[in-house]
């Protein structure tokens, strides 16, 4: 279709394009009025930063370094949602971290200003020239740092093009190379694939920490309690990326306290043939009521796939083995 450019994710950095004829309630003027004016100079970057993985961290550290060298403030312009959720309505989109978590990590890293952006046609309509000009006027931009392959604006301009045009000769456009882990460039997409494949090790390496999901403990069918393994049924709070079905060695955080846990993700095939997918954590050596509490699970290692057992006795025997193996893994002995 003429005039149609799609927004795609490449190595965790977003390409911004124009969709002809689309309109948003928010005008371009309103878009930038929604960004608090900052006294410059500032060095900025832009993206969704889903997971704030090692690649993102390298980019943000470069922003901080450039800001320090210029006596400027560091700024991260962060999309609350992935652009493709707007570009292709109805597309299934999952996240490694919600916006609040991303913002908190960026603040902890020392970024001076974290600015929320809601992706829409107002942003899509902007050329790279208009976008840079608006940032100059609104936040005193003196340098824009972009990740590997990142393009901005309806004209899809990258670092080389932005520099070559000379229209903003008073602004430095800088690129940051990919971070490579186990021979593969780190990206949110690759991490999501690792997670849905049950590859906790690769996900942890690329994130720089264990992958985690959070949710409120909901009332379940209490089958675990009946067989001696009372579990917490976790309901994620947003469209999180869920690991592959199976049993995992995990660490659960409740009320600020960490507990070793064996976690099952799946459809409970020993009991049901068409059950819904659940996330159930058995906290080792824990005695207390978890119902309605918020629980965060860190995934350390996948122990085995989900299996339908011929009897509850066989299931209990295997669960005892899973618990023992979880203890060994979390103690660093496996």
C-alpha atoms as a PDB file:
ATOM      1  CA  UNK A   1       0.000   0.000   0.000  1.00  0.00           C
ATOM      2  CA  UNK A   2       1.461   3.369  -1.030  1.00  0.00           C
ATOM      3  CA  UNK A   3       2.515   5.543   1.864  1.00  0.00           C
ATOM      4  CA  UNK A   4       2.431   2.665   4.318  1.00  0.00           C
ATOM      5  CA  UNK A   5       5.448   1.892   6.447  1.00  0.00           C
ATOM      6  CA  UNK A   6       5.346  -0.596   9.233  1.00  0.00           C
ATOM      7  CA  UNK A   7       6.865  -0.329  12.668  1.00  0.00           C
ATOM      8  CA  UNK A   8       9.016  -3.330  13.533  1.00  0.00           C
ATOM      9  CA  UNK A   9      11.311  -4.307  16.334  1.00  0.00           C
ATOM     10  CA  UNK A  10      14.930  -5.024  15.511  1.00  0.00           C
ATOM     11  CA  UNK A  11      17.367  -5.962  18.276  1.00  0.00           C
ATOM     12  CA  UNK A  12      15.079  -4.278  20.764  1.00  0.00           C
ATOM     13  CA  UNK A  13      15.061  -0.860  19.023  1.00  0.00           C
ATOM     14  CA  UNK A  14      11.931   0.430  17.322  1.00  0.00           C
ATOM     15  CA  UNK A  15      11.496   1.744  13.817  1.00  0.00           C
ATOM     16  CA  UNK A  16       8.882   4.493  13.669  1.00  0.00           C
ATOM     17  CA  UNK A  17       6.853   4.791  10.472  1.00  0.00           C
ATOM     18  CA  UNK A  18       3.897   6.584   8.948  1.00  0.00           C
ATOM     19  CA  UNK A  19       0.523   4.978   8.368  1.00  0.00           C
ATOM     20  CA  UNK A  20      -1.280   7.136   5.822  1.00  0.00           C
ATOM     21  CA  UNK A  21      -4.745   8.324   6.729  1.00  0.00           C
ATOM     22  CA  UNK A  22      -4.605   7.233  10.396  1.00  0.00           C
ATOM     23  CA  UNK A  23      -5.435   9.853  13.009  1.00  0.00           C
ATOM     24  CA  UNK A  24      -5.164   9.996  16.761  1.00  0.00           C
ATOM     25  CA  UNK A  25      -7.091  11.994  19.317  1.00  0.00           C
ATOM     26  CA  UNK A  26      -3.820  13.552  20.406  1.00  0.00           C
ATOM     27  CA  UNK A  27      -2.401  16.116  18.000  1.00  0.00           C
ATOM     28  CA  UNK A  28       1.320  16.585  17.482  1.00  0.00           C
ATOM     29  CA  UNK A  29       1.160  19.798  19.506  1.00  0.00           C
ATOM     30  CA  UNK A  30      -0.634  18.026  22.345  1.00  0.00           C
ATOM     31  CA  UNK A  31       1.885  15.185  22.168  1.00  0.00           C
ATOM     32  CA  UNK A  32       4.814  17.459  22.958  1.00  0.00           C
ATOM     33  CA  UNK A  33       2.808  19.592  25.379  1.00  0.00           C
ATOM     34  CA  UNK A  34       2.350  16.349  27.358  1.00  0.00           C
ATOM     35  CA  UNK A  35       6.122  16.136  27.788  1.00  0.00           C
ATOM     36  CA  UNK A  36       7.304  18.273  30.679  1.00  0.00           C
ATOM     37  CA  UNK A  37       9.596  20.996  29.423  1.00  0.00           C
ATOM     38  CA  UNK A  38      13.137  20.422  30.646  1.00  0.00           C
ATOM     39  CA  UNK A  39      15.878  22.951  31.007  1.00  0.00           C
ATOM     40  CA  UNK A  40      18.614  21.802  28.670  1.00  0.00           C
ATOM     41  CA  UNK A  41      21.053  20.713  27.694  1.00  0.00           C
ATOM     42  CA  UNK A  42      19.917  17.075  27.536  1.00  0.00           C
ATOM     43  CA  UNK A  43      21.184  13.872  25.978  1.00  0.00           C
ATOM     44  CA  UNK A  44      18.305  11.531  25.116  1.00  0.00           C
ATOM     45  CA  UNK A  45      17.387   8.138  23.767  1.00  0.00           C
ATOM     46  CA  UNK A  46      14.050   6.594  22.818  1.00  0.00           C
ATOM     47  CA  UNK A  47      12.519   3.106  22.870  1.00  0.00           C
ATOM     48  CA  UNK A  48      10.238   0.707  24.703  1.00  0.00           C
ATOM     49  CA  UNK A  49      13.109  -0.769  26.744  1.00  0.00           C
ATOM     50  CA  UNK A  50      11.122  -3.937  27.392  1.00  0.00           C
ATOM     51  CA  UNK A  51      13.047  -5.889  30.015  1.00  0.00           C
ATOM     52  CA  UNK A  52      15.797  -3.239  30.207  1.00  0.00           C
ATOM     53  CA  UNK A  53      18.240  -5.942  29.085  1.00  0.00           C
ATOM     54  CA  UNK A  54      22.024  -5.728  28.670  1.00  0.00           C
ATOM     55  CA  UNK A  55      21.690  -4.004  25.295  1.00  0.00           C
ATOM     56  CA  UNK A  56      19.414  -1.369  26.769  1.00  0.00           C
ATOM     57  CA  UNK A  57      21.746  -0.952  29.732  1.00  0.00           C
ATOM     58  CA  UNK A  58      24.724  -0.339  27.438  1.00  0.00           C
ATOM     59  CA  UNK A  59      22.711   2.256  25.520  1.00  0.00           C
ATOM     60  CA  UNK A  60      21.585   4.018  28.688  1.00  0.00           C
ATOM     61  CA  UNK A  61      25.119   4.012  30.102  1.00  0.00           C
ATOM     62  CA  UNK A  62      26.298   5.680  26.874  1.00  0.00           C
ATOM     63  CA  UNK A  63      23.563   8.301  27.317  1.00  0.00           C
ATOM     64  CA  UNK A  64      24.753   8.936  30.867  1.00  0.00           C
ATOM     65  CA  UNK A  65      28.380   9.145  29.767  1.00  0.00           C
ATOM     66  CA  UNK A  66      27.604  11.612  26.983  1.00  0.00           C
ATOM     67  CA  UNK A  67      25.463  13.681  29.357  1.00  0.00           C
ATOM     68  CA  UNK A  68      28.252  13.827  31.942  1.00  0.00           C
ATOM     69  CA  UNK A  69      30.771  14.895  29.278  1.00  0.00           C
ATOM     70  CA  UNK A  70      28.500  17.741  28.184  1.00  0.00           C
ATOM     71  CA  UNK A  71      27.308  18.862  31.596  1.00  0.00           C
ATOM     72  CA  UNK A  72      23.828  17.775  30.480  1.00  0.00           C
ATOM     73  CA  UNK A  73      20.917  15.775  31.892  1.00  0.00           C
ATOM     74  CA  UNK A  74      20.179  12.225  30.685  1.00  0.00           C
ATOM     75  CA  UNK A  75      16.697  11.558  29.309  1.00  0.00           C
ATOM     76  CA  UNK A  76      14.949   8.304  28.330  1.00  0.00           C
ATOM     77  CA  UNK A  77      11.792   8.678  26.221  1.00  0.00           C
ATOM     78  CA  UNK A  78       9.939   5.440  26.908  1.00  0.00           C
ATOM     79  CA  UNK A  79       6.960   4.021  25.031  1.00  0.00           C
ATOM     80  CA  UNK A  80       4.472   2.633  27.512  1.00  0.00           C
ATOM     81  CA  UNK A  81       3.365  -0.017  24.986  1.00  0.00           C
ATOM     82  CA  UNK A  82       5.106  -1.681  22.091  1.00  0.00           C
ATOM     83  CA  UNK A  83       4.456   0.276  18.858  1.00  0.00           C
ATOM     84  CA  UNK A  84       3.324  -2.857  17.040  1.00  0.00           C
ATOM     85  CA  UNK A  85       0.363  -3.104  19.431  1.00  0.00           C
ATOM     86  CA  UNK A  86      -0.873   0.138  17.816  1.00  0.00           C
ATOM     87  CA  UNK A  87       0.264  -0.606  14.274  1.00  0.00           C
ATOM     88  CA  UNK A  88      -1.505  -3.973  14.167  1.00  0.00           C
ATOM     89  CA  UNK A  89      -4.510  -3.887  16.491  1.00  0.00           C
ATOM     90  CA  UNK A  90      -5.459  -7.350  17.687  1.00  0.00           C
ATOM     91  CA  UNK A  91      -1.870  -8.605  17.450  1.00  0.00           C
ATOM     92  CA  UNK A  92      -0.897 -10.672  20.470  1.00  0.00           C
ATOM     93  CA  UNK A  93       1.761  -8.673  22.296  1.00  0.00           C
ATOM     94  CA  UNK A  94       3.507  -9.788  25.476  1.00  0.00           C
ATOM     95  CA  UNK A  95       6.050  -8.005  27.636  1.00  0.00           C
ATOM     96  CA  UNK A  96       9.121  -8.823  29.709  1.00  0.00           C
ATOM     97  CA  UNK A  97       8.311  -6.017  32.138  1.00  0.00           C
ATOM     98  CA  UNK A  98       5.529  -3.509  32.705  1.00  0.00           C
ATOM     99  CA  UNK A  99       6.071   0.225  32.356  1.00  0.00           C
ATOM    100  CA  UNK A 100       6.410   0.865  36.084  1.00  0.00           C
ATOM    101  CA  UNK A 101       9.148  -1.772  36.378  1.00  0.00           C
ATOM    102  CA  UNK A 102      11.004  -0.330  33.382  1.00  0.00           C
ATOM    103  CA  UNK A 103      10.740   3.175  34.814  1.00  0.00           C
ATOM    104  CA  UNK A 104      11.982   1.998  38.215  1.00  0.00           C
ATOM    105  CA  UNK A 105      15.022   0.249  36.697  1.00  0.00           C
ATOM    106  CA  UNK A 106      15.884   3.333  34.634  1.00  0.00           C
ATOM    107  CA  UNK A 107      15.609   5.489  37.741  1.00  0.00           C
ATOM    108  CA  UNK A 108      17.809   3.059  39.672  1.00  0.00           C
ATOM    109  CA  UNK A 109      20.395   3.285  36.881  1.00  0.00           C
ATOM    110  CA  UNK A 110      20.520   7.024  37.466  1.00  0.00           C
ATOM    111  CA  UNK A 111      18.740   8.343  34.364  1.00  0.00           C
ATOM    112  CA  UNK A 112      17.805  11.918  35.258  1.00  0.00           C
ATOM    113  CA  UNK A 113      14.431  12.050  33.481  1.00  0.00           C
ATOM    114  CA  UNK A 114      12.224   9.143  32.369  1.00  0.00           C
ATOM    115  CA  UNK A 115       9.496  10.443  30.055  1.00  0.00           C
ATOM    116  CA  UNK A 116       6.479   8.304  29.185  1.00  0.00           C
ATOM    117  CA  UNK A 117       5.311   8.298  25.554  1.00  0.00           C
ATOM    118  CA  UNK A 118       2.088   6.732  24.299  1.00  0.00           C
ATOM    119  CA  UNK A 119       2.651   5.508  20.755  1.00  0.00           C
ATOM    120  CA  UNK A 120       0.007   6.684  18.299  1.00  0.00           C
ATOM    121  CA  UNK A 121      -0.475   8.327  14.930  1.00  0.00           C
ATOM    122  CA  UNK A 122       0.689  11.678  16.337  1.00  0.00           C
ATOM    123  CA  UNK A 123       4.153  10.151  16.655  1.00  0.00           C
ATOM    124  CA  UNK A 124       3.827   8.241  13.382  1.00  0.00           C
ATOM    125  CA  UNK A 125       3.135  11.429  11.468  1.00  0.00           C
ATOM    126  CA  UNK A 126       6.347  13.090  12.574  1.00  0.00           C
ATOM    127  CA  UNK A 127       9.303  13.276  10.238  1.00  0.00           C
ATOM    128  CA  UNK A 128      12.677  12.812  11.875  1.00  0.00           C
ATOM    129  CA  UNK A 129      13.379  16.520  11.297  1.00  0.00           C
ATOM    130  CA  UNK A 130      10.172  17.606  13.089  1.00  0.00           C
ATOM    131  CA  UNK A 131      10.817  15.142  15.890  1.00  0.00           C
ATOM    132  CA  UNK A 132      14.363  16.408  16.518  1.00  0.00           C
ATOM    133  CA  UNK A 133      13.261  20.041  16.276  1.00  0.00           C
ATOM    134  CA  UNK A 134      10.486  19.454  18.818  1.00  0.00           C
ATOM    135  CA  UNK A 135      12.927  17.786  21.224  1.00  0.00           C
ATOM    136  CA  UNK A 136      15.327  20.692  20.841  1.00  0.00           C
ATOM    137  CA  UNK A 137      12.580  23.133  21.760  1.00  0.00           C
ATOM    138  CA  UNK A 138      10.985  21.061  24.510  1.00  0.00           C
ATOM    139  CA  UNK A 139      13.927  19.484  26.329  1.00  0.00           C
ATOM    140  CA  UNK A 140      17.007  21.290  25.030  1.00  0.00           C
ATOM    141  CA  UNK A 141      18.330  18.247  23.147  1.00  0.00           C
ATOM    142  CA  UNK A 142      22.032  18.387  22.274  1.00  0.00           C
ATOM    143  CA  UNK A 143      22.624  14.701  21.529  1.00  0.00           C
ATOM    144  CA  UNK A 144      20.448  11.717  20.561  1.00  0.00           C
ATOM    145  CA  UNK A 145      21.806   8.220  21.199  1.00  0.00           C
ATOM    146  CA  UNK A 146      20.222   5.343  19.268  1.00  0.00           C
ATOM    147  CA  UNK A 147      20.546   1.578  19.480  1.00  0.00           C
ATOM    148  CA  UNK A 148      21.755  -0.722  16.679  1.00  0.00           C
ATOM    149  CA  UNK A 149      19.748  -0.271  13.485  1.00  0.00           C
ATOM    150  CA  UNK A 150      17.315   2.201  15.045  1.00  0.00           C
ATOM    151  CA  UNK A 151      15.450   4.532  12.694  1.00  0.00           C
ATOM    152  CA  UNK A 152      13.194   7.417  13.670  1.00  0.00           C
ATOM    153  CA  UNK A 153      10.445   9.406  12.004  1.00  0.00           C
ATOM    154  CA  UNK A 154       8.182   8.762   9.047  1.00  0.00           C
ATOM    155  CA  UNK A 155      11.260   9.010   6.815  1.00  0.00           C
ATOM    156  CA  UNK A 156      12.963   6.278   8.864  1.00  0.00           C
ATOM    157  CA  UNK A 157      16.223   8.106   9.419  1.00  0.00           C
ATOM    158  CA  UNK A 158      19.159   6.491  11.161  1.00  0.00           C
ATOM    159  CA  UNK A 159      22.273   7.955  12.741  1.00  0.00           C
ATOM    160  CA  UNK A 160      24.140   8.281   9.424  1.00  0.00           C
ATOM    161  CA  UNK A 161      21.242   9.947   7.625  1.00  0.00           C
ATOM    162  CA  UNK A 162      20.500  12.287  10.530  1.00  0.00           C
ATOM    163  CA  UNK A 163      24.148  13.343  10.577  1.00  0.00           C
ATOM    164  CA  UNK A 164      24.514  13.614   6.794  1.00  0.00           C
ATOM    165  CA  UNK A 165      21.555  15.953   6.236  1.00  0.00           C
ATOM    166  CA  UNK A 166      23.237  18.663   8.297  1.00  0.00           C
ATOM    167  CA  UNK A 167      19.849  20.106   9.259  1.00  0.00           C
ATOM    168  CA  UNK A 168      20.724  19.701  12.934  1.00  0.00           C
ATOM    169  CA  UNK A 169      24.451  20.312  12.908  1.00  0.00           C
ATOM    170  CA  UNK A 170      24.262  21.474  16.531  1.00  0.00           C
ATOM    171  CA  UNK A 171      23.122  18.007  17.655  1.00  0.00           C
ATOM    172  CA  UNK A 172      25.315  14.911  17.910  1.00  0.00           C
ATOM    173  CA  UNK A 173      23.692  11.692  16.669  1.00  0.00           C
ATOM    174  CA  UNK A 174      25.378   8.647  18.142  1.00  0.00           C
ATOM    175  CA  UNK A 175      24.882   4.928  17.593  1.00  0.00           C
ATOM    176  CA  UNK A 176      25.495   2.098  20.046  1.00  0.00           C
ATOM    177  CA  UNK A 177      26.456  -1.391  18.778  1.00  0.00           C
ATOM    178  CA  UNK A 178      24.717  -4.620  19.755  1.00  0.00           C
ATOM    179  CA  UNK A 179      25.697  -6.538  22.856  1.00  0.00           C
ATOM    180  CA  UNK A 180      26.363 -10.184  21.990  1.00  0.00           C
ATOM    181  CA  UNK A 181      25.685 -13.073  24.382  1.00  0.00           C
ATOM    182  CA  UNK A 182      26.391 -16.684  23.422  1.00  0.00           C
ATOM    183  CA  UNK A 183      26.956 -15.591  19.829  1.00  0.00           C
ATOM    184  CA  UNK A 184      23.616 -13.785  19.498  1.00  0.00           C
ATOM    185  CA  UNK A 185      22.745 -10.089  19.620  1.00  0.00           C
ATOM    186  CA  UNK A 186      20.755  -9.296  22.739  1.00  0.00           C
ATOM    187  CA  UNK A 187      17.199  -8.151  22.045  1.00  0.00           C
ATOM    188  CA  UNK A 188      13.801  -8.222  23.715  1.00  0.00           C
ATOM    189  CA  UNK A 189      12.548 -10.514  20.931  1.00  0.00           C
ATOM    190  CA  UNK A 190      15.329 -13.066  21.443  1.00  0.00           C
ATOM    191  CA  UNK A 191      14.730 -13.015  25.201  1.00  0.00           C
ATOM    192  CA  UNK A 192      10.995 -13.608  24.713  1.00  0.00           C
ATOM    193  CA  UNK A 193      11.772 -16.576  22.470  1.00  0.00           C
ATOM    194  CA  UNK A 194      14.159 -17.965  25.103  1.00  0.00           C
ATOM    195  CA  UNK A 195      11.504 -17.624  27.803  1.00  0.00           C
ATOM    196  CA  UNK A 196       8.708 -19.309  25.861  1.00  0.00           C
ATOM    197  CA  UNK A 197      11.202 -22.082  25.093  1.00  0.00           C
ATOM    198  CA  UNK A 198      11.984 -22.548  28.788  1.00  0.00           C
ATOM    199  CA  UNK A 199      15.580 -21.372  28.343  1.00  0.00           C
ATOM    200  CA  UNK A 200      15.914 -19.514  31.661  1.00  0.00           C
ATOM    201  CA  UNK A 201      19.713 -19.470  31.465  1.00  0.00           C
ATOM    202  CA  UNK A 202      19.898 -17.527  28.190  1.00  0.00           C
ATOM    203  CA  UNK A 203      17.131 -15.153  29.286  1.00  0.00           C
ATOM    204  CA  UNK A 204      18.979 -14.451  32.551  1.00  0.00           C
ATOM    205  CA  UNK A 205      22.280 -13.873  30.746  1.00  0.00           C
ATOM    206  CA  UNK A 206      20.725 -11.379  28.347  1.00  0.00           C
ATOM    207  CA  UNK A 207      18.692  -9.590  31.006  1.00  0.00           C
ATOM    208  CA  UNK A 208      21.556  -9.457  33.484  1.00  0.00           C
ATOM    209  CA  UNK A 209      19.205 -10.892  36.123  1.00  0.00           C
ATOM    210  CA  UNK A 210      16.657 -13.698  36.469  1.00  0.00           C
ATOM    211  CA  UNK A 211      13.487 -13.275  34.451  1.00  0.00           C
ATOM    212  CA  UNK A 212      10.537 -12.637  36.741  1.00  0.00           C
ATOM    213  CA  UNK A 213       6.770 -12.282  36.633  1.00  0.00           C
ATOM    214  CA  UNK A 214       4.468 -10.807  39.248  1.00  0.00           C
ATOM    215  CA  UNK A 215       0.845 -11.259  40.149  1.00  0.00           C
ATOM    216  CA  UNK A 216      -1.739 -11.533  42.859  1.00  0.00           C
ATOM    217  CA  UNK A 217      -2.301 -14.946  44.449  1.00  0.00           C
ATOM    218  CA  UNK A 218      -5.803 -16.025  43.462  1.00  0.00           C
ATOM    219  CA  UNK A 219      -8.051 -18.758  44.764  1.00  0.00           C
ATOM    220  CA  UNK A 220      -7.424 -22.065  42.995  1.00  0.00           C
ATOM    221  CA  UNK A 221      -8.973 -25.535  43.134  1.00  0.00           C
ATOM    222  CA  UNK A 222      -6.785 -26.460  46.133  1.00  0.00           C
ATOM    223  CA  UNK A 223      -5.704 -29.789  44.605  1.00  0.00           C
ATOM    224  CA  UNK A 224      -2.113 -29.127  45.676  1.00  0.00           C
ATOM    225  CA  UNK A 225      -3.172 -28.744  49.303  1.00  0.00           C
ATOM    226  CA  UNK A 226      -5.075 -32.046  49.113  1.00  0.00           C
ATOM    227  CA  UNK A 227      -1.917 -33.936  48.075  1.00  0.00           C
ATOM    228  CA  UNK A 228       0.455 -32.179  50.462  1.00  0.00           C
ATOM    229  CA  UNK A 229       1.755 -29.425  48.162  1.00  0.00           C
ATOM    230  CA  UNK A 230      -0.240 -26.250  48.773  1.00  0.00           C
ATOM    231  CA  UNK A 231       0.444 -23.932  45.850  1.00  0.00           C
ATOM    232  CA  UNK A 232      -0.067 -20.239  45.175  1.00  0.00           C
ATOM    233  CA  UNK A 233      -2.018 -19.680  41.969  1.00  0.00           C
ATOM    234  CA  UNK A 234      -0.488 -16.576  40.358  1.00  0.00           C
ATOM    235  CA  UNK A 235      -2.502 -14.322  38.077  1.00  0.00           C
ATOM    236  CA  UNK A 236      -0.133 -11.988  36.146  1.00  0.00           C
ATOM    237  CA  UNK A 237      -1.040  -8.300  36.258  1.00  0.00           C
ATOM    238  CA  UNK A 238      -0.365  -7.509  32.574  1.00  0.00           C
ATOM    239  CA  UNK A 239       0.304  -9.358  29.270  1.00  0.00           C
ATOM    240  CA  UNK A 240       3.511 -10.956  30.475  1.00  0.00           C
ATOM    241  CA  UNK A 241       5.630 -13.441  28.521  1.00  0.00           C
ATOM    242  CA  UNK A 242       4.949 -16.820  30.163  1.00  0.00           C
ATOM    243  CA  UNK A 243       7.622 -19.556  30.144  1.00  0.00           C
ATOM    244  CA  UNK A 244       6.991 -22.869  28.403  1.00  0.00           C
ATOM    245  CA  UNK A 245       4.827 -25.379  30.264  1.00  0.00           C
ATOM    246  CA  UNK A 246       6.849 -27.377  32.752  1.00  0.00           C
ATOM    247  CA  UNK A 247       8.318 -27.420  36.249  1.00  0.00           C
ATOM    248  CA  UNK A 248      10.782 -24.709  37.293  1.00  0.00           C
ATOM    249  CA  UNK A 249      13.169 -23.974  40.131  1.00  0.00           C
ATOM    250  CA  UNK A 250      12.160 -20.457  41.143  1.00  0.00           C
ATOM    251  CA  UNK A 251      12.552 -17.867  43.860  1.00  0.00           C
ATOM    252  CA  UNK A 252       9.380 -16.231  45.179  1.00  0.00           C
ATOM    253  CA  UNK A 253       9.262 -12.806  46.771  1.00  0.00           C
ATOM    254  CA  UNK A 254       6.376 -12.123  49.166  1.00  0.00           C
ATOM    255  CA  UNK A 255       6.195  -9.059  51.408  1.00  0.00           C
ATOM    256  CA  UNK A 256       9.845  -8.337  50.625  1.00  0.00           C
ATOM    257  CA  UNK A 257      11.016 -11.803  51.756  1.00  0.00           C
ATOM    258  CA  UNK A 258      12.549 -14.330  49.335  1.00  0.00           C
ATOM    259  CA  UNK A 259      11.521 -18.008  49.424  1.00  0.00           C
ATOM    260  CA  UNK A 260      12.725 -20.961  47.361  1.00  0.00           C
ATOM    261  CA  UNK A 261       9.875 -22.378  45.289  1.00  0.00           C
ATOM    262  CA  UNK A 262       9.066 -25.115  42.802  1.00  0.00           C
ATOM    263  CA  UNK A 263       6.720 -23.712  40.168  1.00  0.00           C
ATOM    264  CA  UNK A 264       4.449 -25.508  37.730  1.00  0.00           C
ATOM    265  CA  UNK A 265       3.209 -23.894  34.530  1.00  0.00           C
ATOM    266  CA  UNK A 266       0.658 -25.763  32.478  1.00  0.00           C
ATOM    267  CA  UNK A 267      -2.791 -27.297  32.261  1.00  0.00           C
ATOM    268  CA  UNK A 268      -2.575 -29.923  35.071  1.00  0.00           C
ATOM    269  CA  UNK A 269      -2.972 -32.904  32.688  1.00  0.00           C
ATOM    270  CA  UNK A 270      -3.070 -35.476  35.514  1.00  0.00           C
ATOM    271  CA  UNK A 271      -6.367 -33.952  36.654  1.00  0.00           C
ATOM    272  CA  UNK A 272      -7.824 -32.344  33.522  1.00  0.00           C
ATOM    273  CA  UNK A 273      -7.836 -32.883  29.771  1.00  0.00           C
ATOM    274  CA  UNK A 274      -8.926 -29.394  28.775  1.00  0.00           C
ATOM    275  CA  UNK A 275      -7.883 -27.251  31.739  1.00  0.00           C
ATOM    276  CA  UNK A 276      -6.814 -23.632  31.441  1.00  0.00           C
ATOM    277  CA  UNK A 277      -3.160 -22.688  31.756  1.00  0.00           C
ATOM    278  CA  UNK A 278      -2.044 -21.881  35.298  1.00  0.00           C
ATOM    279  CA  UNK A 279       1.080 -20.714  37.153  1.00  0.00           C
ATOM    280  CA  UNK A 280       1.311 -22.434  40.529  1.00  0.00           C
ATOM    281  CA  UNK A 281       4.176 -21.963  42.983  1.00  0.00           C
ATOM    282  CA  UNK A 282       4.927 -24.243  45.929  1.00  0.00           C
ATOM    283  CA  UNK A 283       7.002 -22.258  48.420  1.00  0.00           C
ATOM    284  CA  UNK A 284       9.436 -24.553  50.211  1.00  0.00           C
ATOM    285  CA  UNK A 285       9.375 -24.472  54.013  1.00  0.00           C
ATOM    286  CA  UNK A 286       6.708 -21.757  54.020  1.00  0.00           C
ATOM    287  CA  UNK A 287       3.780 -21.697  56.394  1.00  0.00           C
ATOM    288  CA  UNK A 288       1.238 -18.925  55.944  1.00  0.00           C
ATOM    289  CA  UNK A 289      -1.676 -17.596  53.937  1.00  0.00           C
ATOM    290  CA  UNK A 290      -0.706 -16.178  50.548  1.00  0.00           C
ATOM    291  CA  UNK A 291      -4.209 -15.516  49.219  1.00  0.00           C
ATOM    292  CA  UNK A 292      -4.576 -11.961  47.733  1.00  0.00           C
ATOM    293  CA  UNK A 293      -0.893 -11.205  48.351  1.00  0.00           C
ATOM    294  CA  UNK A 294       1.299  -9.952  45.518  1.00  0.00           C
ATOM    295  CA  UNK A 295       3.986 -12.472  44.607  1.00  0.00           C
ATOM    296  CA  UNK A 296       6.992 -12.100  42.309  1.00  0.00           C
ATOM    297  CA  UNK A 297       8.577 -15.203  40.790  1.00  0.00           C
ATOM    298  CA  UNK A 298      12.160 -15.354  39.510  1.00  0.00           C
ATOM    299  CA  UNK A 299      12.786 -18.221  37.096  1.00  0.00           C
ATOM    300  CA  UNK A 300      16.137 -19.932  37.639  1.00  0.00           C
ATOM    301  CA  UNK A 301      15.973 -23.240  35.745  1.00  0.00           C
ATOM    302  CA  UNK A 302      13.457 -25.469  33.971  1.00  0.00           C
ATOM    303  CA  UNK A 303      13.493 -28.918  35.570  1.00  0.00           C
ATOM    304  CA  UNK A 304      11.302 -30.903  33.224  1.00  0.00           C
ATOM    305  CA  UNK A 305       8.307 -30.724  30.875  1.00  0.00           C
ATOM    306  CA  UNK A 306       4.732 -31.083  32.098  1.00  0.00           C
ATOM    307  CA  UNK A 307       3.632 -34.728  32.215  1.00  0.00           C
ATOM    308  CA  UNK A 308       0.290 -36.502  32.657  1.00  0.00           C
ATOM    309  CA  UNK A 309       0.779 -39.203  35.330  1.00  0.00           C
ATOM    310  CA  UNK A 310      -1.264 -42.370  35.538  1.00  0.00           C
ATOM    311  CA  UNK A 311      -2.011 -41.841  39.222  1.00  0.00           C
ATOM    312  CA  UNK A 312      -1.890 -39.153  41.899  1.00  0.00           C
ATOM    313  CA  UNK A 313       0.654 -41.311  43.769  1.00  0.00           C
ATOM    314  CA  UNK A 314       3.044 -41.135  40.802  1.00  0.00           C
ATOM    315  CA  UNK A 315       2.533 -37.380  40.625  1.00  0.00           C
ATOM    316  CA  UNK A 316       3.324 -36.950  44.334  1.00  0.00           C
ATOM    317  CA  UNK A 317       6.480 -39.064  43.982  1.00  0.00           C
ATOM    318  CA  UNK A 318       7.670 -36.906  41.099  1.00  0.00           C
ATOM    319  CA  UNK A 319       6.801 -33.696  42.952  1.00  0.00           C
ATOM    320  CA  UNK A 320       8.956 -34.800  45.873  1.00  0.00           C
ATOM    321  CA  UNK A 321      11.823 -35.283  43.425  1.00  0.00           C
ATOM    322  CA  UNK A 322      11.129 -31.854  41.880  1.00  0.00           C
ATOM    323  CA  UNK A 323      11.265 -30.213  45.301  1.00  0.00           C
ATOM    324  CA  UNK A 324      14.568 -31.918  46.170  1.00  0.00           C
ATOM    325  CA  UNK A 325      16.098 -30.921  42.819  1.00  0.00           C
ATOM    326  CA  UNK A 326      14.851 -27.349  43.323  1.00  0.00           C
ATOM    327  CA  UNK A 327      16.634 -27.247  46.706  1.00  0.00           C
ATOM    328  CA  UNK A 328      19.868 -28.455  45.109  1.00  0.00           C
ATOM    329  CA  UNK A 329      19.706 -25.968  42.219  1.00  0.00           C
ATOM    330  CA  UNK A 330      18.905 -22.986  44.395  1.00  0.00           C
ATOM    331  CA  UNK A 331      21.660 -23.994  46.814  1.00  0.00           C
ATOM    332  CA  UNK A 332      24.055 -23.867  43.865  1.00  0.00           C
ATOM    333  CA  UNK A 333      24.715 -27.597  43.865  1.00  0.00           C
ATOM    334  CA  UNK A 334      23.293 -28.348  40.427  1.00  0.00           C
END
